[in-house]
Amino acid sequence: MLMSTIVAVALGVAPVNQDPQLVTGDYSRKIGSYSQTTDRRGTTHVRGRDAKGRTYDLTLDRQGNVEASTADRVVNFRVREG
């Protein structure tokens, strides 16, 4: 699973159109830089700044549930490896 793709979906820069939704591509330029840590429960925490300088926070738990927040919205979705 590529964290950059998950971040791109959360930020709205990766297209998600079909059901089931499959997202591929290189979005590293659009998502900017980020740092990633994992806590004792296996939850991954991502903090970053997109290409326009806006900050974002993202949490990914062991079940694939994602919650991401940016300056103007909160996004929730679920991911799984294809």
Protein backbone atom coordinates (compact mmCIF):
# COMPACT_ATOMS: atom_id res chain seq x y z
CA MET A 1 0.00 0.00 0.00
CA LEU A 2 1.47 3.34 -0.97
CA MET A 3 0.94 6.05 1.58
CA SER A 4 1.35 8.74 -1.08
CA THR A 5 -1.72 7.41 -2.92
CA ILE A 6 -3.77 7.36 0.30
CA VAL A 7 -2.73 10.94 1.03
CA ALA A 8 -3.58 11.96 -2.56
CA VAL A 9 -7.10 10.54 -2.22
CA ALA A 10 -7.56 12.29 1.13
CA LEU A 11 -6.46 15.60 -0.35
CA GLY A 12 -8.71 15.17 -3.38
CA VAL A 13 -5.92 15.17 -5.97
CA ALA A 14 -6.32 11.50 -6.99
CA PRO A 15 -9.39 10.64 -9.06
CA VAL A 16 -11.78 8.12 -7.50
CA ASN A 17 -14.58 7.32 -9.90
CA GLN A 18 -15.45 3.61 -10.09
CA ASP A 19 -16.92 1.03 -7.74
CA PRO A 20 -14.91 -0.78 -6.52
CA GLN A 21 -12.59 2.17 -6.56
CA LEU A 22 -9.05 1.54 -7.76
CA VAL A 23 -6.54 4.37 -7.58
CA THR A 24 -3.11 4.25 -9.17
CA GLY A 25 -0.54 6.83 -10.16
CA ASP A 26 2.30 8.97 -8.87
CA TYR A 27 0.96 11.88 -6.86
CA SER A 28 4.13 12.76 -4.96
CA ARG A 29 4.44 16.26 -6.45
CA LYS A 30 0.87 17.17 -5.61
CA ILE A 31 0.87 15.97 -2.00
CA GLY A 32 4.05 17.75 -0.95
CA SER A 33 6.10 16.45 1.97
CA TYR A 34 4.96 14.47 4.99
CA SER A 35 6.22 12.58 8.02
CA GLN A 36 4.84 9.22 9.08
CA THR A 37 4.83 7.46 12.45
CA THR A 38 3.15 4.32 13.79
CA ASP A 39 1.99 4.02 17.38
CA ARG A 40 1.83 0.93 19.65
CA ARG A 41 -1.65 0.01 18.39
CA GLY A 42 -0.45 -0.10 14.80
CA THR A 43 -2.17 3.15 13.83
CA THR A 44 -0.25 5.18 11.27
CA HIS A 45 -0.18 8.96 11.68
CA VAL A 46 0.79 11.25 8.81
CA ARG A 47 1.38 14.99 9.04
CA GLY A 48 2.28 17.01 6.01
CA ARG A 49 2.13 20.10 3.90
CA ASP A 50 0.74 19.94 0.37
CA ALA A 51 2.28 21.55 -2.70
CA LYS A 52 0.40 24.80 -1.94
CA GLY A 53 1.71 24.92 1.65
CA ARG A 54 -1.51 23.81 3.39
CA THR A 55 -1.12 21.42 6.31
CA TYR A 56 -2.91 18.09 6.66
CA ASP A 57 -3.21 15.29 9.21
CA LEU A 58 -4.13 11.71 8.40
CA THR A 59 -4.73 8.62 10.54
CA LEU A 60 -4.81 5.07 9.15
CA ASP A 61 -5.80 2.25 11.52
CA ARG A 62 -5.07 -1.47 11.18
CA GLN A 63 -8.50 -2.13 9.62
CA GLY A 64 -7.82 0.34 6.80
CA ASN A 65 -9.99 3.18 8.08
CA VAL A 66 -8.64 6.58 7.14
CA GLU A 67 -9.52 9.94 8.65
CA ALA A 68 -7.86 12.97 7.13
CA SER A 69 -8.24 16.62 7.95
CA THR A 70 -7.14 19.65 6.02
CA ALA A 71 -7.72 23.34 6.57
CA ASP A 72 -11.20 23.18 5.05
CA ARG A 73 -12.51 19.59 5.34
CA VAL A 74 -12.48 16.20 7.01
CA VAL A 75 -12.47 13.06 4.86
CA ASN A 76 -13.16 9.47 5.95
CA PHE A 77 -12.72 6.37 3.79
CA ARG A 78 -11.47 2.81 3.90
CA VAL A 79 -8.49 1.36 2.03
CA ARG A 80 -7.36 -2.14 1.22
CA GLU A 81 -4.61 -3.59 -0.87
CA GLY A 82 -5.70 -4.82 -4.29
